Amino acid sequence: MEVILSSNDYDAELAERDGWVNRAIPQRELAEFVSALAHRLANFPEAGPVGIKRRINDVSLAPVADVRTDAALFQQTIREPRAQARTGELLEGGMQTRGELERDFGPALGRLKS
């Protein structure tokens, strides 16, 4: 609940420690790691990864009806006048740019006036 409701950003170390990711890799090592993993996986018989991905999706993806419900709730929420005002304030403050607001989004939400 804290993660969803607070809109805070969390660094890689916390995400790894809390089990949200299986590892945190420094940026300077990421390209080499991804390349090596991709080459390794490319050598597996195709049926293995395809079957594993299908099974993971079967047990972890929400049913389509739930996704549609979430989308409808989101659409309803962003149409509310207060949400519109807050979005306008965020856009004026630099949301969807490469500015400071995007790098510090959680605390920026806490400073909103509307």
PDB file of N, CA and C in Angstrom:
ATOM      1  N   MET A   1       0.827  -1.188   0.000  1.00  0.00           N
ATOM      2  CA  MET A   1       0.000   0.000   0.000  1.00  0.00           C
ATOM      3  C   MET A   1       0.871   1.251   0.000  1.00  0.00           C
ATOM      4  N   GLU A   2       1.947   1.226   0.791  1.00  0.00           N
ATOM      5  CA  GLU A   2       2.825   2.402   0.837  1.00  0.00           C
ATOM      6  C   GLU A   2       3.355   2.742  -0.553  1.00  0.00           C
ATOM      7  N   VAL A   3       3.807   1.739  -1.264  1.00  0.00           N
ATOM      8  CA  VAL A   3       4.396   1.964  -2.577  1.00  0.00           C
ATOM      9  C   VAL A   3       3.363   2.545  -3.535  1.00  0.00           C
ATOM     10  N   ILE A   4       2.186   1.977  -3.560  1.00  0.00           N
ATOM     11  CA  ILE A   4       1.153   2.414  -4.490  1.00  0.00           C
ATOM     12  C   ILE A   4       0.607   3.786  -4.119  1.00  0.00           C
ATOM     13  N   LEU A   5       0.295   3.992  -2.854  1.00  0.00           N
ATOM     14  CA  LEU A   5      -0.337   5.240  -2.448  1.00  0.00           C
ATOM     15  C   LEU A   5       0.627   6.412  -2.322  1.00  0.00           C
ATOM     16  N   SER A   6       1.883   6.169  -1.980  1.00  0.00           N
ATOM     17  CA  SER A   6       2.820   7.275  -1.744  1.00  0.00           C
ATOM     18  C   SER A   6       3.359   7.888  -3.028  1.00  0.00           C
ATOM     19  N   SER A   7       3.391   7.129  -4.099  1.00  0.00           N
ATOM     20  CA  SER A   7       3.989   7.569  -5.370  1.00  0.00           C
ATOM     21  C   SER A   7       5.456   7.936  -5.213  1.00  0.00           C
ATOM     22  N   ASN A   8       6.103   7.425  -4.188  1.00  0.00           N
ATOM     23  CA  ASN A   8       7.530   7.681  -4.006  1.00  0.00           C
ATOM     24  C   ASN A   8       8.338   6.876  -5.009  1.00  0.00           C
ATOM     25  N   ASP A   9       9.529   7.361  -5.283  1.00  0.00           N
ATOM     26  CA  ASP A   9      10.484   6.609  -6.085  1.00  0.00           C
ATOM     27  C   ASP A   9      11.310   5.760  -5.133  1.00  0.00           C
ATOM     28  N   TYR A  10      11.719   4.607  -5.589  1.00  0.00           N
ATOM     29  CA  TYR A  10      12.524   3.710  -4.770  1.00  0.00           C
ATOM     30  C   TYR A  10      13.760   3.331  -5.562  1.00  0.00           C
ATOM     31  N   ASP A  11      14.904   3.350  -4.919  1.00  0.00           N
ATOM     32  CA  ASP A  11      16.147   3.036  -5.618  1.00  0.00           C
ATOM     33  C   ASP A  11      16.286   1.526  -5.812  1.00  0.00           C
ATOM     34  N   ALA A  12      17.261   1.167  -6.631  1.00  0.00           N
ATOM     35  CA  ALA A  12      17.460  -0.233  -6.989  1.00  0.00           C
ATOM     36  C   ALA A  12      17.798  -1.101  -5.789  1.00  0.00           C
ATOM     37  N   GLU A  13      18.575  -0.558  -4.859  1.00  0.00           N
ATOM     38  CA  GLU A  13      18.963  -1.355  -3.692  1.00  0.00           C
ATOM     39  C   GLU A  13      17.740  -1.730  -2.854  1.00  0.00           C
ATOM     40  N   LEU A  14      16.828  -0.777  -2.638  1.00  0.00           N
ATOM     41  CA  LEU A  14      15.613  -1.082  -1.878  1.00  0.00           C
ATOM     42  C   LEU A  14      14.731  -2.067  -2.649  1.00  0.00           C
ATOM     43  N   ALA A  15      14.617  -1.864  -3.950  1.00  0.00           N
ATOM     44  CA  ALA A  15      13.804  -2.774  -4.761  1.00  0.00           C
ATOM     45  C   ALA A  15      14.348  -4.197  -4.696  1.00  0.00           C
ATOM     46  N   GLU A  16      15.655  -4.319  -4.733  1.00  0.00           N
ATOM     47  CA  GLU A  16      16.263  -5.652  -4.640  1.00  0.00           C
ATOM     48  C   GLU A  16      16.043  -6.247  -3.247  1.00  0.00           C
ATOM     49  N   ARG A  17      16.287  -5.447  -2.215  1.00  0.00           N
ATOM     50  CA  ARG A  17      16.150  -5.928  -0.837  1.00  0.00           C
ATOM     51  C   ARG A  17      14.717  -6.374  -0.536  1.00  0.00           C
ATOM     52  N   ASP A  18      13.730  -5.639  -1.095  1.00  0.00           N
ATOM     53  CA  ASP A  18      12.331  -5.967  -0.838  1.00  0.00           C
ATOM     54  C   ASP A  18      11.762  -7.004  -1.794  1.00  0.00           C
ATOM     55  N   GLY A  19      12.601  -7.514  -2.699  1.00  0.00           N
ATOM     56  CA  GLY A  19      12.157  -8.590  -3.587  1.00  0.00           C
ATOM     57  C   GLY A  19      11.345  -8.132  -4.779  1.00  0.00           C
ATOM     58  N   TRP A  20      11.404  -6.852  -5.116  1.00  0.00           N
ATOM     59  CA  TRP A  20      10.663  -6.371  -6.289  1.00  0.00           C
ATOM     60  C   TRP A  20      11.407  -6.686  -7.571  1.00  0.00           C
ATOM     61  N   VAL A  21      12.717  -6.814  -7.459  1.00  0.00           N
ATOM     62  CA  VAL A  21      13.559  -7.199  -8.588  1.00  0.00           C
ATOM     63  C   VAL A  21      14.493  -8.295  -8.107  1.00  0.00           C
ATOM     64  N   ASN A  22      14.989  -9.103  -9.012  1.00  0.00           N
ATOM     65  CA  ASN A  22      15.862 -10.197  -8.582  1.00  0.00           C
ATOM     66  C   ASN A  22      17.318  -9.762  -8.443  1.00  0.00           C
ATOM     67  N   ARG A  23      17.683  -8.612  -9.017  1.00  0.00           N
ATOM     68  CA  ARG A  23      19.038  -8.097  -8.835  1.00  0.00           C
ATOM     69  C   ARG A  23      19.079  -6.643  -9.290  1.00  0.00           C
ATOM     70  N   ALA A  24      20.014  -5.910  -8.746  1.00  0.00           N
ATOM     71  CA  ALA A  24      20.282  -4.536  -9.165  1.00  0.00           C
ATOM     72  C   ALA A  24      21.671  -4.523  -9.784  1.00  0.00           C
ATOM     73  N   ILE A  25      21.762  -4.059 -11.019  1.00  0.00           N
ATOM     74  CA  ILE A  25      23.028  -4.071 -11.752  1.00  0.00           C
ATOM     75  C   ILE A  25      23.429  -2.624 -12.033  1.00  0.00           C
ATOM     76  N   PRO A  26      24.662  -2.261 -11.717  1.00  0.00           N
ATOM     77  CA  PRO A  26      25.115  -0.902 -12.032  1.00  0.00           C
ATOM     78  C   PRO A  26      24.983  -0.613 -13.529  1.00  0.00           C
ATOM     79  N   GLN A  27      24.636   0.608 -13.877  1.00  0.00           N
ATOM     80  CA  GLN A  27      24.403   0.968 -15.271  1.00  0.00           C
ATOM     81  C   GLN A  27      25.588   0.629 -16.166  1.00  0.00           C
ATOM     82  N   ARG A  28      26.781   0.819 -15.661  1.00  0.00           N
ATOM     83  CA  ARG A  28      27.977   0.560 -16.482  1.00  0.00           C
ATOM     84  C   ARG A  28      28.113  -0.917 -16.844  1.00  0.00           C
ATOM     85  N   GLU A  29      27.461  -1.811 -16.109  1.00  0.00           N
ATOM     86  CA  GLU A  29      27.534  -3.248 -16.374  1.00  0.00           C
ATOM     87  C   GLU A  29      26.295  -3.792 -17.076  1.00  0.00           C
ATOM     88  N   LEU A  30      25.266  -2.970 -17.221  1.00  0.00           N
ATOM     89  CA  LEU A  30      23.970  -3.452 -17.696  1.00  0.00           C
ATOM     90  C   LEU A  30      24.014  -3.965 -19.136  1.00  0.00           C
ATOM     91  N   ALA A  31      24.605  -3.211 -20.059  1.00  0.00           N
ATOM     92  CA  ALA A  31      24.607  -3.627 -21.470  1.00  0.00           C
ATOM     93  C   ALA A  31      25.293  -4.976 -21.644  1.00  0.00           C
ATOM     94  N   GLU A  32      26.426  -5.159 -21.001  1.00  0.00           N
ATOM     95  CA  GLU A  32      27.143  -6.427 -21.109  1.00  0.00           C
ATOM     96  C   GLU A  32      26.322  -7.581 -20.515  1.00  0.00           C
ATOM     97  N   PHE A  33      25.687  -7.338 -19.370  1.00  0.00           N
ATOM     98  CA  PHE A  33      24.865  -8.367 -18.733  1.00  0.00           C
ATOM     99  C   PHE A  33      23.702  -8.762 -19.636  1.00  0.00           C
ATOM    100  N   VAL A  34      22.995  -7.769 -20.163  1.00  0.00           N
ATOM    101  CA  VAL A  34      21.830  -8.049 -21.014  1.00  0.00           C
ATOM    102  C   VAL A  34      22.253  -8.785 -22.279  1.00  0.00           C
ATOM    103  N   SER A  35      23.339  -8.361 -22.877  1.00  0.00           N
ATOM    104  CA  SER A  35      23.820  -9.023 -24.088  1.00  0.00           C
ATOM    105  C   SER A  35      24.163 -10.488 -23.819  1.00  0.00           C
ATOM    106  N   ALA A  36      24.892 -10.744 -22.743  1.00  0.00           N
ATOM    107  CA  ALA A  36      25.260 -12.126 -22.409  1.00  0.00           C
ATOM    108  C   ALA A  36      24.028 -12.973 -22.135  1.00  0.00           C
ATOM    109  N   LEU A  37      23.065 -12.414 -21.394  1.00  0.00           N
ATOM    110  CA  LEU A  37      21.841 -13.165 -21.098  1.00  0.00           C
ATOM    111  C   LEU A  37      21.050 -13.439 -22.372  1.00  0.00           C
ATOM    112  N   ALA A  38      20.924 -12.440 -23.233  1.00  0.00           N
ATOM    113  CA  ALA A  38      20.176 -12.629 -24.480  1.00  0.00           C
ATOM    114  C   ALA A  38      20.814 -13.706 -25.348  1.00  0.00           C
ATOM    115  N   HIS A  39      22.129 -13.706 -25.446  1.00  0.00           N
ATOM    116  CA  HIS A  39      22.807 -14.742 -26.242  1.00  0.00           C
ATOM    117  C   HIS A  39      22.617 -16.128 -25.627  1.00  0.00           C
ATOM    118  N   ARG A  40      22.677 -16.204 -24.325  1.00  0.00           N
ATOM    119  CA  ARG A  40      22.463 -17.497 -23.650  1.00  0.00           C
ATOM    120  C   ARG A  40      21.052 -18.007 -23.934  1.00  0.00           C
ATOM    121  N   LEU A  41      20.053 -17.136 -23.755  1.00  0.00           N
ATOM    122  CA  LEU A  41      18.656 -17.545 -23.968  1.00  0.00           C
ATOM    123  C   LEU A  41      18.391 -17.900 -25.425  1.00  0.00           C
ATOM    124  N   ALA A  42      19.060 -17.212 -26.342  1.00  0.00           N
ATOM    125  CA  ALA A  42      18.868 -17.492 -27.767  1.00  0.00           C
ATOM    126  C   ALA A  42      19.328 -18.892 -28.140  1.00  0.00           C
ATOM    127  N   ASN A  43      20.197 -19.476 -27.341  1.00  0.00           N
ATOM    128  CA  ASN A  43      20.691 -20.826 -27.624  1.00  0.00           C
ATOM    129  C   ASN A  43      19.814 -21.932 -27.040  1.00  0.00           C
ATOM    130  N   PHE A  44      18.828 -21.577 -26.238  1.00  0.00           N
ATOM    131  CA  PHE A  44      17.928 -22.585 -25.683  1.00  0.00           C
ATOM    132  C   PHE A  44      16.953 -23.056 -26.763  1.00  0.00           C
ATOM    133  N   PRO A  45      16.507 -24.301 -26.694  1.00  0.00           N
ATOM    134  CA  PRO A  45      15.438 -24.736 -27.605  1.00  0.00           C
ATOM    135  C   PRO A  45      14.212 -23.834 -27.395  1.00  0.00           C
ATOM    136  N   GLU A  46      13.619 -23.377 -28.482  1.00  0.00           N
ATOM    137  CA  GLU A  46      12.543 -22.390 -28.415  1.00  0.00           C
ATOM    138  C   GLU A  46      11.376 -22.812 -27.519  1.00  0.00           C
ATOM    139  N   ALA A  47      11.044 -24.065 -27.511  1.00  0.00           N
ATOM    140  CA  ALA A  47       9.882 -24.528 -26.741  1.00  0.00           C
ATOM    141  C   ALA A  47      10.038 -24.268 -25.242  1.00  0.00           C
ATOM    142  N   GLY A  48      11.268 -24.308 -24.744  1.00  0.00           N
ATOM    143  CA  GLY A  48      11.481 -24.097 -23.309  1.00  0.00           C
ATOM    144  C   GLY A  48      11.073 -22.703 -22.849  1.00  0.00           C
ATOM    145  N   PRO A  49      11.704 -21.638 -23.365  1.00  0.00           N
ATOM    146  CA  PRO A  49      11.312 -20.290 -22.945  1.00  0.00           C
ATOM    147  C   PRO A  49       9.856 -19.941 -23.276  1.00  0.00           C
ATOM    148  N   VAL A  50       9.378 -20.420 -24.410  1.00  0.00           N
ATOM    149  CA  VAL A  50       7.987 -20.131 -24.783  1.00  0.00           C
ATOM    150  C   VAL A  50       7.034 -20.753 -23.757  1.00  0.00           C
ATOM    151  N   GLY A  51       7.281 -22.000 -23.399  1.00  0.00           N
ATOM    152  CA  GLY A  51       6.422 -22.671 -22.417  1.00  0.00           C
ATOM    153  C   GLY A  51       6.509 -22.031 -21.042  1.00  0.00           C
ATOM    154  N   ILE A  52       7.720 -21.664 -20.641  1.00  0.00           N
ATOM    155  CA  ILE A  52       7.890 -21.022 -19.331  1.00  0.00           C
ATOM    156  C   ILE A  52       7.165 -19.683 -19.301  1.00  0.00           C
ATOM    157  N   LYS A  53       7.330 -18.874 -20.356  1.00  0.00           N
ATOM    158  CA  LYS A  53       6.657 -17.572 -20.403  1.00  0.00           C
ATOM    159  C   LYS A  53       5.136 -17.751 -20.367  1.00  0.00           C
ATOM    160  N   ARG A  54       4.635 -18.704 -21.113  1.00  0.00           N
ATOM    161  CA  ARG A  54       3.191 -18.953 -21.120  1.00  0.00           C
ATOM    162  C   ARG A  54       2.694 -19.312 -19.721  1.00  0.00           C
ATOM    163  N   ARG A  55       3.429 -20.166 -19.026  1.00  0.00           N
ATOM    164  CA  ARG A  55       3.010 -20.591 -17.687  1.00  0.00           C
ATOM    165  C   ARG A  55       3.085 -19.449 -16.680  1.00  0.00           C
ATOM    166  N   ILE A  56       4.143 -18.654 -16.762  1.00  0.00           N
ATOM    167  CA  ILE A  56       4.248 -17.489 -15.874  1.00  0.00           C
ATOM    168  C   ILE A  56       3.083 -16.540 -16.122  1.00  0.00           C
ATOM    169  N   ASN A  57       2.770 -16.288 -17.376  1.00  0.00           N
ATOM    170  CA  ASN A  57       1.625 -15.421 -17.690  1.00  0.00           C
ATOM    171  C   ASN A  57       0.320 -16.010 -17.170  1.00  0.00           C
ATOM    172  N   ASP A  58       0.169 -17.326 -17.273  1.00  0.00           N
ATOM    173  CA  ASP A  58      -1.055 -17.972 -16.800  1.00  0.00           C
ATOM    174  C   ASP A  58      -1.287 -17.722 -15.308  1.00  0.00           C
ATOM    175  N   VAL A  59      -0.225 -17.732 -14.526  1.00  0.00           N
ATOM    176  CA  VAL A  59      -0.407 -17.610 -13.080  1.00  0.00           C
ATOM    177  C   VAL A  59      -0.222 -16.184 -12.561  1.00  0.00           C
ATOM    178  N   SER A  60       0.309 -15.273 -13.388  1.00  0.00           N
ATOM    179  CA  SER A  60       0.609 -13.951 -12.845  1.00  0.00           C
ATOM    180  C   SER A  60      -0.138 -12.796 -13.495  1.00  0.00           C
ATOM    181  N   LEU A  61      -0.678 -12.976 -14.682  1.00  0.00           N
ATOM    182  CA  LEU A  61      -1.395 -11.876 -15.320  1.00  0.00           C
ATOM    183  C   LEU A  61      -2.841 -11.830 -14.840  1.00  0.00           C
ATOM    184  N   ALA A  62      -3.311 -10.625 -14.635  1.00  0.00           N
ATOM    185  CA  ALA A  62      -4.703 -10.443 -14.236  1.00  0.00           C
ATOM    186  C   ALA A  62      -5.627 -10.811 -15.398  1.00  0.00           C
ATOM    187  N   PRO A  63      -6.827 -11.292 -15.076  1.00  0.00           N
ATOM    188  CA  PRO A  63      -7.800 -11.563 -16.139  1.00  0.00           C
ATOM    189  C   PRO A  63      -8.133 -10.275 -16.895  1.00  0.00           C
ATOM    190  N   VAL A  64      -8.486 -10.399 -18.160  1.00  0.00           N
ATOM    191  CA  VAL A  64      -8.799  -9.235 -18.997  1.00  0.00           C
ATOM    192  C   VAL A  64      -9.872  -8.368 -18.345  1.00  0.00           C
ATOM    193  N   ALA A  65     -10.862  -8.981 -17.714  1.00  0.00           N
ATOM    194  CA  ALA A  65     -11.926  -8.201 -17.067  1.00  0.00           C
ATOM    195  C   ALA A  65     -11.356  -7.293 -15.982  1.00  0.00           C
ATOM    196  N   ASP A  66     -10.370  -7.771 -15.237  1.00  0.00           N
ATOM    197  CA  ASP A  66      -9.745  -6.948 -14.196  1.00  0.00           C
ATOM    198  C   ASP A  66      -8.962  -5.787 -14.801  1.00  0.00           C
ATOM    199  N   VAL A  67      -8.271  -6.041 -15.892  1.00  0.00           N
ATOM    200  CA  VAL A  67      -7.519  -4.978 -16.570  1.00  0.00           C
ATOM    201  C   VAL A  67      -8.488  -3.906 -17.060  1.00  0.00           C
ATOM    202  N   ARG A  68      -9.608  -4.330 -17.611  1.00  0.00           N
ATOM    203  CA  ARG A  68     -10.616  -3.361 -18.089  1.00  0.00           C
ATOM    204  C   ARG A  68     -11.199  -2.564 -16.926  1.00  0.00           C
ATOM    205  N   THR A  69     -11.438  -3.213 -15.802  1.00  0.00           N
ATOM    206  CA  THR A  69     -11.943  -2.508 -14.619  1.00  0.00           C
ATOM    207  C   THR A  69     -10.934  -1.474 -14.146  1.00  0.00           C
ATOM    208  N   ASP A  70      -9.668  -1.845 -14.084  1.00  0.00           N
ATOM    209  CA  ASP A  70      -8.622  -0.901 -13.683  1.00  0.00           C
ATOM    210  C   ASP A  70      -8.555   0.288 -14.632  1.00  0.00           C
ATOM    211  N   ALA A  71      -8.626   0.021 -15.920  1.00  0.00           N
ATOM    212  CA  ALA A  71      -8.575   1.102 -16.911  1.00  0.00           C
ATOM    213  C   ALA A  71      -9.767   2.039 -16.746  1.00  0.00           C
ATOM    214  N   ALA A  72     -10.941   1.486 -16.518  1.00  0.00           N
ATOM    215  CA  ALA A  72     -12.138   2.315 -16.331  1.00  0.00           C
ATOM    216  C   ALA A  72     -12.025   3.169 -15.066  1.00  0.00           C
ATOM    217  N   LEU A  73     -11.510   2.591 -13.984  1.00  0.00           N
ATOM    218  CA  LEU A  73     -11.322   3.354 -12.747  1.00  0.00           C
ATOM    219  C   LEU A  73     -10.311   4.476 -12.941  1.00  0.00           C
ATOM    220  N   PHE A  74      -9.243   4.191 -13.669  1.00  0.00           N
ATOM    221  CA  PHE A  74      -8.240   5.220 -13.952  1.00  0.00           C
ATOM    222  C   PHE A  74      -8.857   6.355 -14.764  1.00  0.00           C
ATOM    223  N   GLN A  75      -9.592   6.005 -15.804  1.00  0.00           N
ATOM    224  CA  GLN A  75     -10.237   7.027 -16.634  1.00  0.00           C
ATOM    225  C   GLN A  75     -11.199   7.884 -15.806  1.00  0.00           C
ATOM    226  N   GLN A  76     -11.944   7.252 -14.939  1.00  0.00           N
ATOM    227  CA  GLN A  76     -12.882   7.978 -14.071  1.00  0.00           C
ATOM    228  C   GLN A  76     -12.120   8.933 -13.148  1.00  0.00           C
ATOM    229  N   THR A  77     -11.036   8.466 -12.587  1.00  0.00           N
ATOM    230  CA  THR A  77     -10.258   9.268 -11.651  1.00  0.00           C
ATOM    231  C   THR A  77      -9.636  10.479 -12.327  1.00  0.00           C
ATOM    232  N   ILE A  78      -9.051  10.315 -13.502  1.00  0.00           N
ATOM    233  CA  ILE A  78      -8.365  11.439 -14.135  1.00  0.00           C
ATOM    234  C   ILE A  78      -9.328  12.477 -14.707  1.00  0.00           C
ATOM    235  N   ARG A  79     -10.598  12.155 -14.791  1.00  0.00           N
ATOM    236  CA  ARG A  79     -11.592  13.136 -15.253  1.00  0.00           C
ATOM    237  C   ARG A  79     -12.087  14.039 -14.131  1.00  0.00           C
ATOM    238  N   GLU A  80     -11.797  13.695 -12.889  1.00  0.00           N
ATOM    239  CA  GLU A  80     -12.268  14.504 -11.770  1.00  0.00           C
ATOM    240  C   GLU A  80     -11.566  15.860 -11.781  1.00  0.00           C
ATOM    241  N   PRO A  81     -12.300  16.936 -11.439  1.00  0.00           N
ATOM    242  CA  PRO A  81     -11.718  18.280 -11.488  1.00  0.00           C
ATOM    243  C   PRO A  81     -10.417  18.424 -10.692  1.00  0.00           C
ATOM    244  N   ARG A  82     -10.342  17.842  -9.516  1.00  0.00           N
ATOM    245  CA  ARG A  82      -9.118  17.976  -8.724  1.00  0.00           C
ATOM    246  C   ARG A  82      -7.947  17.284  -9.411  1.00  0.00           C
ATOM    247  N   ALA A  83      -8.198  16.126  -9.993  1.00  0.00           N
ATOM    248  CA  ALA A  83      -7.139  15.425 -10.721  1.00  0.00           C
ATOM    249  C   ALA A  83      -6.696  16.233 -11.937  1.00  0.00           C
ATOM    250  N   GLN A  84      -7.628  16.852 -12.621  1.00  0.00           N
ATOM    251  CA  GLN A  84      -7.289  17.701 -13.774  1.00  0.00           C
ATOM    252  C   GLN A  84      -6.423  18.882 -13.337  1.00  0.00           C
ATOM    253  N   ALA A  85      -6.793  19.512 -12.215  1.00  0.00           N
ATOM    254  CA  ALA A  85      -6.017  20.646 -11.704  1.00  0.00           C
ATOM    255  C   ALA A  85      -4.604  20.207 -11.321  1.00  0.00           C
ATOM    256  N   ARG A  86      -4.496  19.072 -10.650  1.00  0.00           N
ATOM    257  CA  ARG A  86      -3.179  18.574 -10.223  1.00  0.00           C
ATOM    258  C   ARG A  86      -2.323  18.213 -11.439  1.00  0.00           C
ATOM    259  N   THR A  87      -2.924  17.624 -12.436  1.00  0.00           N
ATOM    260  CA  THR A  87      -2.189  17.286 -13.652  1.00  0.00           C
ATOM    261  C   THR A  87      -1.690  18.551 -14.336  1.00  0.00           C
ATOM    262  N   GLY A  88      -2.537  19.569 -14.408  1.00  0.00           N
ATOM    263  CA  GLY A  88      -2.119  20.839 -14.996  1.00  0.00           C
ATOM    264  C   GLY A  88      -0.956  21.448 -14.239  1.00  0.00           C
ATOM    265  N   GLU A  89      -1.022  21.403 -12.925  1.00  0.00           N
ATOM    266  CA  GLU A  89       0.059  21.932 -12.096  1.00  0.00           C
ATOM    267  C   GLU A  89       1.356  21.156 -12.336  1.00  0.00           C
ATOM    268  N   LEU A  90       1.250  19.845 -12.440  1.00  0.00           N
ATOM    269  CA  LEU A  90       2.441  19.027 -12.700  1.00  0.00           C
ATOM    270  C   LEU A  90       3.028  19.327 -14.073  1.00  0.00           C
ATOM    271  N   LEU A  91       2.179  19.474 -15.082  1.00  0.00           N
ATOM    272  CA  LEU A  91       2.666  19.790 -16.426  1.00  0.00           C
ATOM    273  C   LEU A  91       3.365  21.146 -16.438  1.00  0.00           C
ATOM    274  N   GLU A  92       2.783  22.126 -15.752  1.00  0.00           N
ATOM    275  CA  GLU A  92       3.409  23.451 -15.668  1.00  0.00           C
ATOM    276  C   GLU A  92       4.745  23.379 -14.934  1.00  0.00           C
ATOM    277  N   GLY A  93       4.862  22.450 -13.997  1.00  0.00           N
ATOM    278  CA  GLY A  93       6.091  22.300 -13.230  1.00  0.00           C
ATOM    279  C   GLY A  93       7.159  21.467 -13.905  1.00  0.00           C
ATOM    280  N   GLY A  94       6.850  20.912 -15.077  1.00  0.00           N
ATOM    281  CA  GLY A  94       7.862  20.173 -15.812  1.00  0.00           C
ATOM    282  C   GLY A  94       7.607  18.685 -15.980  1.00  0.00           C
ATOM    283  N   MET A  95       6.412  18.209 -15.628  1.00  0.00           N
ATOM    284  CA  MET A  95       6.125  16.784 -15.827  1.00  0.00           C
ATOM    285  C   MET A  95       6.249  16.446 -17.314  1.00  0.00           C
ATOM    286  N   GLN A  96       6.737  15.294 -17.599  1.00  0.00           N
ATOM    287  CA  GLN A  96       6.964  14.759 -18.945  1.00  0.00           C
ATOM    288  C   GLN A  96       8.062  15.519 -19.681  1.00  0.00           C
ATOM    289  N   THR A  97       9.000  16.039 -18.914  1.00  0.00           N
ATOM    290  CA  THR A  97      10.228  16.599 -19.473  1.00  0.00           C
ATOM    291  C   THR A  97      11.372  15.886 -18.756  1.00  0.00           C
ATOM    292  N   ARG A  98      12.559  16.214 -19.081  1.00  0.00           N
ATOM    293  CA  ARG A  98      13.707  15.596 -18.414  1.00  0.00           C
ATOM    294  C   ARG A  98      14.169  16.439 -17.236  1.00  0.00           C
ATOM    295  N   GLY A  99      13.272  17.229 -16.697  1.00  0.00           N
ATOM    296  CA  GLY A  99      13.626  18.137 -15.629  1.00  0.00           C
ATOM    297  C   GLY A  99      13.618  17.505 -14.247  1.00  0.00           C
ATOM    298  N   GLU A 100      13.819  18.366 -13.270  1.00  0.00           N
ATOM    299  CA  GLU A 100      13.921  17.933 -11.875  1.00  0.00           C
ATOM    300  C   GLU A 100      12.648  17.250 -11.381  1.00  0.00           C
ATOM    301  N   LEU A 101      11.488  17.750 -11.797  1.00  0.00           N
ATOM    302  CA  LEU A 101      10.232  17.162 -11.327  1.00  0.00           C
ATOM    303  C   LEU A 101      10.162  15.674 -11.673  1.00  0.00           C
ATOM    304  N   GLU A 102      10.582  15.300 -12.851  1.00  0.00           N
ATOM    305  CA  GLU A 102      10.548  13.887 -13.242  1.00  0.00           C
ATOM    306  C   GLU A 102      11.515  13.040 -12.422  1.00  0.00           C
ATOM    307  N   ARG A 103      12.626  13.632 -12.025  1.00  0.00           N
ATOM    308  CA  ARG A 103      13.602  12.874 -11.243  1.00  0.00           C
ATOM    309  C   ARG A 103      13.215  12.784  -9.772  1.00  0.00           C
ATOM    310  N   ASP A 104      12.276  13.603  -9.335  1.00  0.00           N
ATOM    311  CA  ASP A 104      11.888  13.655  -7.924  1.00  0.00           C
ATOM    312  C   ASP A 104      10.362  13.689  -7.834  1.00  0.00           C
ATOM    313  N   PHE A 105       9.706  12.777  -8.560  1.00  0.00           N
ATOM    314  CA  PHE A 105       8.260  12.839  -8.768  1.00  0.00           C
ATOM    315  C   PHE A 105       7.443  12.635  -7.497  1.00  0.00           C
ATOM    316  N   GLY A 106       7.810  11.670  -6.681  1.00  0.00           N
ATOM    317  CA  GLY A 106       7.039  11.404  -5.461  1.00  0.00           C
ATOM    318  C   GLY A 106       6.942  12.622  -4.562  1.00  0.00           C
ATOM    319  N   PRO A 107       8.071  13.211  -4.173  1.00  0.00           N
ATOM    320  CA  PRO A 107       8.003  14.414  -3.346  1.00  0.00           C
ATOM    321  C   PRO A 107       7.283  15.579  -4.043  1.00  0.00           C
ATOM    322  N   ALA A 108       7.413  15.676  -5.384  1.00  0.00           N
ATOM    323  CA  ALA A 108       6.715  16.738  -6.120  1.00  0.00           C
ATOM    324  C   ALA A 108       5.202  16.592  -5.952  1.00  0.00           C
ATOM    325  N   LEU A 109       4.719  15.386  -5.930  1.00  0.00           N
ATOM    326  CA  LEU A 109       3.277  15.171  -5.717  1.00  0.00           C
ATOM    327  C   LEU A 109       2.844  15.692  -4.353  1.00  0.00           C
ATOM    328  N   GLY A 110       3.711  15.516  -3.366  1.00  0.00           N
ATOM    329  CA  GLY A 110       3.396  15.989  -2.022  1.00  0.00           C
ATOM    330  C   GLY A 110       3.381  17.502  -1.892  1.00  0.00           C
ATOM    331  N   ARG A 111       4.001  18.207  -2.828  1.00  0.00           N
ATOM    332  CA  ARG A 111       4.049  19.672  -2.784  1.00  0.00           C
ATOM    333  C   ARG A 111       2.942  20.326  -3.580  1.00  0.00           C
ATOM    334  N   LEU A 112       2.081  19.554  -4.221  1.00  0.00           N
ATOM    335  CA  LEU A 112       1.023  20.142  -5.046  1.00  0.00           C
ATOM    336  C   LEU A 112       0.087  21.009  -4.229  1.00  0.00           C
ATOM    337  N   LYS A 113      -0.354  22.105  -4.841  1.00  0.00           N
ATOM    338  CA  LYS A 113      -1.265  23.017  -4.158  1.00  0.00           C
ATOM    339  C   LYS A 113      -2.724  22.607  -4.336  1.00  0.00           C
ATOM    340  N   SER A 114      -3.058  22.037  -5.493  1.00  0.00           N
ATOM    341  CA  SER A 114      -4.467  21.708  -5.757  1.00  0.00           C
ATOM    342  C   SER A 114      -4.896  20.418  -5.121  1.00  0.00           C
TER     343      SER A 114
END
